[in-house]
């Protein structure tokens, strides 16, 4: 357990920071760059694609080309690049786990905008294809879809105290999710889940359907 290595993208704040701490507690060493990973650890056992951005723009017609391309470049292209780099390393380790952190917006469109929702929906398609392709290599691939989380992006979802409280009241559980709750699900997928659990989209939405 102590020799396993996980790479978490976007691990410096919010959900990513909680993920990094949770996986470290589960016996994974955490590093961000593949080159540094190869030099320091020489192996990879899990990849968590968590890095993401999203500036709220309500109207599709208000999304400019730069915002669209940058959002997809970080949220989808970045995940694809990491996935492609991770696959040979995971194979060399004899298998492993990949978790893509998507969003409930992938299903609902969300509140941030079409650029963000499309990037997170693309992660689901990437997850499904990778799960089928890599199953016989002993590499499981799953996606986690958090709803509203008490993290930095909350201000982009609901602006102002009144809007935040209205949104909070819409969750049957009576609160938003916490970064550490997302981290526990990712830890399970990386460290404890059976190999047969692959190709799944796991939603965290506090009873809000």
C-alpha atoms as a PDB file:
ATOM      1  CA  UNK A   1       0.000   0.000   0.000  1.00  0.00           C
ATOM      2  CA  UNK A   2       2.708   2.481   0.982  1.00  0.00           C
ATOM      3  CA  UNK A   3       4.502   2.170  -2.371  1.00  0.00           C
ATOM      4  CA  UNK A   4       1.559   3.129  -4.562  1.00  0.00           C
ATOM      5  CA  UNK A   5       1.680   6.392  -6.487  1.00  0.00           C
ATOM      6  CA  UNK A   6      -1.285   8.589  -7.441  1.00  0.00           C
ATOM      7  CA  UNK A   7      -1.200  11.702  -9.582  1.00  0.00           C
ATOM      8  CA  UNK A   8      -3.899  14.287  -8.843  1.00  0.00           C
ATOM      9  CA  UNK A   9      -4.301  17.241 -11.190  1.00  0.00           C
ATOM     10  CA  UNK A  10      -5.552  20.513  -9.750  1.00  0.00           C
ATOM     11  CA  UNK A  11      -4.489  19.430  -6.274  1.00  0.00           C
ATOM     12  CA  UNK A  12      -3.658  22.780  -4.695  1.00  0.00           C
ATOM     13  CA  UNK A  13      -7.129  23.875  -3.535  1.00  0.00           C
ATOM     14  CA  UNK A  14     -10.726  22.855  -2.914  1.00  0.00           C
ATOM     15  CA  UNK A  15     -11.677  19.363  -4.028  1.00  0.00           C
ATOM     16  CA  UNK A  16      -8.216  18.700  -5.462  1.00  0.00           C
ATOM     17  CA  UNK A  17      -6.483  19.466  -2.191  1.00  0.00           C
ATOM     18  CA  UNK A  18      -8.905  17.232  -0.293  1.00  0.00           C
ATOM     19  CA  UNK A  19      -8.303  14.474  -2.846  1.00  0.00           C
ATOM     20  CA  UNK A  20      -4.545  14.744  -2.454  1.00  0.00           C
ATOM     21  CA  UNK A  21      -4.737  14.522   1.333  1.00  0.00           C
ATOM     22  CA  UNK A  22      -7.199  11.619   1.271  1.00  0.00           C
ATOM     23  CA  UNK A  23      -5.119   9.576  -1.169  1.00  0.00           C
ATOM     24  CA  UNK A  24      -1.951  10.285   0.775  1.00  0.00           C
ATOM     25  CA  UNK A  25      -3.702   8.925   3.870  1.00  0.00           C
ATOM     26  CA  UNK A  26      -4.617   5.801   1.899  1.00  0.00           C
ATOM     27  CA  UNK A  27      -0.971   5.035   1.157  1.00  0.00           C
ATOM     28  CA  UNK A  28      -0.519   6.884  -2.137  1.00  0.00           C
ATOM     29  CA  UNK A  29       2.326   9.353  -2.720  1.00  0.00           C
ATOM     30  CA  UNK A  30       1.036  12.397  -4.667  1.00  0.00           C
ATOM     31  CA  UNK A  31       2.866  14.290  -7.450  1.00  0.00           C
ATOM     32  CA  UNK A  32       1.599  16.540 -10.226  1.00  0.00           C
ATOM     33  CA  UNK A  33       3.973  16.189 -13.142  1.00  0.00           C
ATOM     34  CA  UNK A  34       4.656  12.989 -15.021  1.00  0.00           C
ATOM     35  CA  UNK A  35       8.317  13.748 -15.469  1.00  0.00           C
ATOM     36  CA  UNK A  36       8.761  14.387 -11.791  1.00  0.00           C
ATOM     37  CA  UNK A  37       6.718  11.279 -11.106  1.00  0.00           C
ATOM     38  CA  UNK A  38       9.005   9.123 -13.259  1.00  0.00           C
ATOM     39  CA  UNK A  39      12.119  10.581 -11.680  1.00  0.00           C
ATOM     40  CA  UNK A  40      10.940  10.345  -8.093  1.00  0.00           C
ATOM     41  CA  UNK A  41       8.778   7.231  -8.057  1.00  0.00           C
ATOM     42  CA  UNK A  42       9.279   5.286 -11.262  1.00  0.00           C
ATOM     43  CA  UNK A  43       5.680   4.062 -11.344  1.00  0.00           C
ATOM     44  CA  UNK A  44       2.030   5.142 -11.424  1.00  0.00           C
ATOM     45  CA  UNK A  45      -0.940   3.362  -9.873  1.00  0.00           C
ATOM     46  CA  UNK A  46      -3.747   5.916 -10.065  1.00  0.00           C
ATOM     47  CA  UNK A  47      -4.632   9.061 -11.989  1.00  0.00           C
ATOM     48  CA  UNK A  48      -7.252  11.529 -10.768  1.00  0.00           C
ATOM     49  CA  UNK A  49      -8.200  14.089 -13.415  1.00  0.00           C
ATOM     50  CA  UNK A  50      -9.509  16.891 -11.246  1.00  0.00           C
ATOM     51  CA  UNK A  51      -8.143  20.130 -12.744  1.00  0.00           C
ATOM     52  CA  UNK A  52     -10.916  22.369 -13.988  1.00  0.00           C
ATOM     53  CA  UNK A  53     -11.967  25.972 -14.529  1.00  0.00           C
ATOM     54  CA  UNK A  54     -15.301  27.645 -15.106  1.00  0.00           C
ATOM     55  CA  UNK A  55     -16.234  31.323 -15.279  1.00  0.00           C
ATOM     56  CA  UNK A  56     -19.979  31.844 -15.157  1.00  0.00           C
ATOM     57  CA  UNK A  57     -21.530  33.038 -18.410  1.00  0.00           C
ATOM     58  CA  UNK A  58     -25.275  32.467 -18.521  1.00  0.00           C
ATOM     59  CA  UNK A  59     -26.072  32.957 -22.204  1.00  0.00           C
ATOM     60  CA  UNK A  60     -24.640  30.724 -24.905  1.00  0.00           C
ATOM     61  CA  UNK A  61     -24.409  33.720 -27.214  1.00  0.00           C
ATOM     62  CA  UNK A  62     -22.255  35.549 -24.654  1.00  0.00           C
ATOM     63  CA  UNK A  63     -19.545  32.860 -24.622  1.00  0.00           C
ATOM     64  CA  UNK A  64     -16.637  34.125 -26.708  1.00  0.00           C
ATOM     65  CA  UNK A  65     -14.272  31.878 -28.624  1.00  0.00           C
ATOM     66  CA  UNK A  66     -11.409  32.329 -26.166  1.00  0.00           C
ATOM     67  CA  UNK A  67     -13.521  31.329 -23.160  1.00  0.00           C
ATOM     68  CA  UNK A  68     -14.910  28.288 -24.971  1.00  0.00           C
ATOM     69  CA  UNK A  69     -11.509  27.078 -26.126  1.00  0.00           C
ATOM     70  CA  UNK A  70      -9.745  27.735 -22.834  1.00  0.00           C
ATOM     71  CA  UNK A  71     -12.423  25.960 -20.798  1.00  0.00           C
ATOM     72  CA  UNK A  72     -12.317  22.886 -23.005  1.00  0.00           C
ATOM     73  CA  UNK A  73      -8.516  23.026 -23.158  1.00  0.00           C
ATOM     74  CA  UNK A  74      -8.187  22.835 -19.378  1.00  0.00           C
ATOM     75  CA  UNK A  75     -11.176  20.669 -18.476  1.00  0.00           C
ATOM     76  CA  UNK A  76     -11.181  18.192 -21.366  1.00  0.00           C
ATOM     77  CA  UNK A  77      -7.946  18.451 -23.332  1.00  0.00           C
ATOM     78  CA  UNK A  78      -5.946  18.458 -20.099  1.00  0.00           C
ATOM     79  CA  UNK A  79      -7.703  15.316 -18.885  1.00  0.00           C
ATOM     80  CA  UNK A  80      -7.137  13.616 -22.232  1.00  0.00           C
ATOM     81  CA  UNK A  81      -3.441  14.529 -22.235  1.00  0.00           C
ATOM     82  CA  UNK A  82      -2.995  13.130 -18.717  1.00  0.00           C
ATOM     83  CA  UNK A  83      -4.972  10.009 -19.566  1.00  0.00           C
ATOM     84  CA  UNK A  84      -2.876   9.344 -22.652  1.00  0.00           C
ATOM     85  CA  UNK A  85       0.350   9.817 -20.688  1.00  0.00           C
ATOM     86  CA  UNK A  86      -0.864   7.705 -17.775  1.00  0.00           C
ATOM     87  CA  UNK A  87      -1.983   4.631 -19.724  1.00  0.00           C
ATOM     88  CA  UNK A  88       1.480   3.203 -20.546  1.00  0.00           C
ATOM     89  CA  UNK A  89       2.643   3.889 -16.988  1.00  0.00           C
ATOM     90  CA  UNK A  90      -0.393   2.148 -15.495  1.00  0.00           C
ATOM     91  CA  UNK A  91       0.123  -0.798 -17.821  1.00  0.00           C
ATOM     92  CA  UNK A  92       3.763  -0.984 -16.744  1.00  0.00           C
ATOM     93  CA  UNK A  93       2.582  -1.124 -13.119  1.00  0.00           C
ATOM     94  CA  UNK A  94       0.315  -4.076 -13.928  1.00  0.00           C
ATOM     95  CA  UNK A  95      -2.945  -2.104 -13.855  1.00  0.00           C
ATOM     96  CA  UNK A  96      -4.416   0.750 -11.894  1.00  0.00           C
ATOM     97  CA  UNK A  97      -7.238   3.216 -11.443  1.00  0.00           C
ATOM     98  CA  UNK A  98      -8.343   6.342 -13.287  1.00  0.00           C
ATOM     99  CA  UNK A  99     -10.959   8.708 -11.862  1.00  0.00           C
ATOM    100  CA  UNK A 100     -12.251  11.650 -13.871  1.00  0.00           C
ATOM    101  CA  UNK A 101     -13.874  14.387 -11.795  1.00  0.00           C
ATOM    102  CA  UNK A 102     -16.790  15.603 -13.899  1.00  0.00           C
ATOM    103  CA  UNK A 103     -19.806  17.530 -12.627  1.00  0.00           C
ATOM    104  CA  UNK A 104     -23.542  17.273 -12.262  1.00  0.00           C
ATOM    105  CA  UNK A 105     -23.576  19.965 -14.950  1.00  0.00           C
ATOM    106  CA  UNK A 106     -22.650  17.256 -17.458  1.00  0.00           C
ATOM    107  CA  UNK A 107     -26.231  15.970 -17.118  1.00  0.00           C
ATOM    108  CA  UNK A 108     -28.189  19.126 -16.296  1.00  0.00           C
ATOM    109  CA  UNK A 109     -26.273  21.921 -18.003  1.00  0.00           C
ATOM    110  CA  UNK A 110     -25.603  23.445 -14.598  1.00  0.00           C
ATOM    111  CA  UNK A 111     -25.426  27.124 -13.688  1.00  0.00           C
ATOM    112  CA  UNK A 112     -21.944  28.103 -14.879  1.00  0.00           C
ATOM    113  CA  UNK A 113     -22.588  27.902 -18.607  1.00  0.00           C
ATOM    114  CA  UNK A 114     -22.579  25.766 -21.727  1.00  0.00           C
ATOM    115  CA  UNK A 115     -18.787  25.916 -22.009  1.00  0.00           C
ATOM    116  CA  UNK A 116     -18.346  24.306 -18.587  1.00  0.00           C
ATOM    117  CA  UNK A 117     -21.170  21.785 -19.006  1.00  0.00           C
ATOM    118  CA  UNK A 118     -19.870  20.664 -22.401  1.00  0.00           C
ATOM    119  CA  UNK A 119     -16.354  20.157 -21.081  1.00  0.00           C
ATOM    120  CA  UNK A 120     -17.620  18.037 -18.186  1.00  0.00           C
ATOM    121  CA  UNK A 121     -19.949  16.032 -20.452  1.00  0.00           C
ATOM    122  CA  UNK A 122     -16.966  15.298 -22.685  1.00  0.00           C
ATOM    123  CA  UNK A 123     -15.231  13.759 -19.671  1.00  0.00           C
ATOM    124  CA  UNK A 124     -18.059  11.239 -19.383  1.00  0.00           C
ATOM    125  CA  UNK A 125     -17.630  10.090 -22.973  1.00  0.00           C
ATOM    126  CA  UNK A 126     -13.882   9.827 -22.411  1.00  0.00           C
ATOM    127  CA  UNK A 127     -14.509   7.797 -19.258  1.00  0.00           C
ATOM    128  CA  UNK A 128     -16.842   5.360 -20.990  1.00  0.00           C
ATOM    129  CA  UNK A 129     -14.509   4.755 -23.923  1.00  0.00           C
ATOM    130  CA  UNK A 130     -11.418   4.395 -21.729  1.00  0.00           C
ATOM    131  CA  UNK A 131     -13.201   1.967 -19.407  1.00  0.00           C
ATOM    132  CA  UNK A 132     -14.043  -0.354 -22.291  1.00  0.00           C
ATOM    133  CA  UNK A 133     -10.621  -0.072 -23.884  1.00  0.00           C
ATOM    134  CA  UNK A 134      -8.562  -0.576 -20.730  1.00  0.00           C
ATOM    135  CA  UNK A 135     -10.611  -3.188 -18.865  1.00  0.00           C
ATOM    136  CA  UNK A 136      -8.471  -6.115 -20.014  1.00  0.00           C
ATOM    137  CA  UNK A 137      -5.355  -4.237 -18.912  1.00  0.00           C
ATOM    138  CA  UNK A 138      -6.602  -4.249 -15.339  1.00  0.00           C
ATOM    139  CA  UNK A 139      -7.218  -0.500 -15.423  1.00  0.00           C
ATOM    140  CA  UNK A 140     -10.582   0.657 -14.108  1.00  0.00           C
ATOM    141  CA  UNK A 141     -11.918   4.028 -15.218  1.00  0.00           C
ATOM    142  CA  UNK A 142     -14.776   5.813 -13.473  1.00  0.00           C
ATOM    143  CA  UNK A 143     -16.177   9.323 -13.207  1.00  0.00           C
ATOM    144  CA  UNK A 144     -17.357  11.227 -10.151  1.00  0.00           C
ATOM    145  CA  UNK A 145     -20.025  13.894 -10.642  1.00  0.00           C
ATOM    146  CA  UNK A 146     -20.233  16.279  -7.688  1.00  0.00           C
ATOM    147  CA  UNK A 147     -23.160  18.654  -7.488  1.00  0.00           C
ATOM    148  CA  UNK A 148     -22.661  21.933  -5.619  1.00  0.00           C
ATOM    149  CA  UNK A 149     -19.627  21.773  -3.335  1.00  0.00           C
ATOM    150  CA  UNK A 150     -18.467  24.230  -0.655  1.00  0.00           C
ATOM    151  CA  UNK A 151     -15.375  25.249  -2.589  1.00  0.00           C
ATOM    152  CA  UNK A 152     -13.965  28.128  -4.612  1.00  0.00           C
ATOM    153  CA  UNK A 153     -16.325  27.663  -7.569  1.00  0.00           C
ATOM    154  CA  UNK A 154     -19.444  28.141  -5.420  1.00  0.00           C
ATOM    155  CA  UNK A 155     -19.282  31.861  -6.125  1.00  0.00           C
ATOM    156  CA  UNK A 156     -19.604  31.174  -9.852  1.00  0.00           C
ATOM    157  CA  UNK A 157     -22.671  28.979  -9.333  1.00  0.00           C
ATOM    158  CA  UNK A 158     -24.622  31.315  -7.048  1.00  0.00           C
ATOM    159  CA  UNK A 159     -23.740  34.988  -6.689  1.00  0.00           C
ATOM    160  CA  UNK A 160     -24.577  36.708  -3.438  1.00  0.00           C
ATOM    161  CA  UNK A 161     -25.670  35.441  -0.040  1.00  0.00           C
ATOM    162  CA  UNK A 162     -29.376  35.279  -0.905  1.00  0.00           C
ATOM    163  CA  UNK A 163     -28.759  33.236  -4.064  1.00  0.00           C
ATOM    164  CA  UNK A 164     -26.496  30.860  -2.154  1.00  0.00           C
ATOM    165  CA  UNK A 165     -29.120  30.304   0.550  1.00  0.00           C
ATOM    166  CA  UNK A 166     -31.868  29.673  -2.023  1.00  0.00           C
ATOM    167  CA  UNK A 167     -29.660  27.129  -3.731  1.00  0.00           C
ATOM    168  CA  UNK A 168     -28.734  25.486  -0.442  1.00  0.00           C
ATOM    169  CA  UNK A 169     -32.418  25.117   0.445  1.00  0.00           C
ATOM    170  CA  UNK A 170     -33.036  23.195  -2.791  1.00  0.00           C
ATOM    171  CA  UNK A 171     -30.983  20.243  -1.530  1.00  0.00           C
ATOM    172  CA  UNK A 172     -33.003  17.723   0.526  1.00  0.00           C
ATOM    173  CA  UNK A 173     -29.946  17.122   2.715  1.00  0.00           C
ATOM    174  CA  UNK A 174     -30.043  20.811   3.651  1.00  0.00           C
ATOM    175  CA  UNK A 175     -26.494  21.714   2.674  1.00  0.00           C
ATOM    176  CA  UNK A 176     -23.927  21.649  -0.087  1.00  0.00           C
ATOM    177  CA  UNK A 177     -21.392  18.877  -0.441  1.00  0.00           C
ATOM    178  CA  UNK A 178     -17.939  19.118   1.096  1.00  0.00           C
ATOM    179  CA  UNK A 179     -14.612  18.576  -0.685  1.00  0.00           C
ATOM    180  CA  UNK A 180     -13.696  15.802   1.731  1.00  0.00           C
ATOM    181  CA  UNK A 181     -16.864  13.893   0.799  1.00  0.00           C
ATOM    182  CA  UNK A 182     -15.870  13.894  -2.851  1.00  0.00           C
ATOM    183  CA  UNK A 183     -12.374  12.848  -1.773  1.00  0.00           C
ATOM    184  CA  UNK A 184     -13.687   9.833   0.123  1.00  0.00           C
ATOM    185  CA  UNK A 185     -15.502   8.582  -2.970  1.00  0.00           C
ATOM    186  CA  UNK A 186     -12.368   9.034  -5.076  1.00  0.00           C
ATOM    187  CA  UNK A 187     -10.302   7.268  -2.429  1.00  0.00           C
ATOM    188  CA  UNK A 188     -12.700   4.321  -2.556  1.00  0.00           C
ATOM    189  CA  UNK A 189     -12.431   4.142  -6.342  1.00  0.00           C
ATOM    190  CA  UNK A 190      -8.630   4.339  -6.235  1.00  0.00           C
ATOM    191  CA  UNK A 191      -7.861   2.185  -3.217  1.00  0.00           C
ATOM    192  CA  UNK A 192     -10.759  -0.082  -2.303  1.00  0.00           C
ATOM    193  CA  UNK A 193     -13.217  -0.620  -5.159  1.00  0.00           C
ATOM    194  CA  UNK A 194     -13.245  -4.000  -6.914  1.00  0.00           C
ATOM    195  CA  UNK A 195     -11.761  -4.183 -10.396  1.00  0.00           C
ATOM    196  CA  UNK A 196     -15.222  -5.019 -11.746  1.00  0.00           C
ATOM    197  CA  UNK A 197     -16.382  -1.500 -10.882  1.00  0.00           C
ATOM    198  CA  UNK A 198     -15.449   0.344 -14.059  1.00  0.00           C
ATOM    199  CA  UNK A 199     -17.199   2.587 -16.555  1.00  0.00           C
ATOM    200  CA  UNK A 200     -19.489   4.063 -13.904  1.00  0.00           C
ATOM    201  CA  UNK A 201     -20.660   7.643 -13.345  1.00  0.00           C
ATOM    202  CA  UNK A 202     -21.068   8.221  -9.594  1.00  0.00           C
ATOM    203  CA  UNK A 203     -23.188  11.248  -8.630  1.00  0.00           C
ATOM    204  CA  UNK A 204     -22.936  13.138  -5.332  1.00  0.00           C
ATOM    205  CA  UNK A 205     -26.020  15.345  -5.120  1.00  0.00           C
ATOM    206  CA  UNK A 206     -27.441  15.277  -1.598  1.00  0.00           C
ATOM    207  CA  UNK A 207     -30.788  13.832  -2.689  1.00  0.00           C
ATOM    208  CA  UNK A 208     -31.381  16.555  -5.277  1.00  0.00           C
ATOM    209  CA  UNK A 209     -32.561  14.725  -8.398  1.00  0.00           C
END
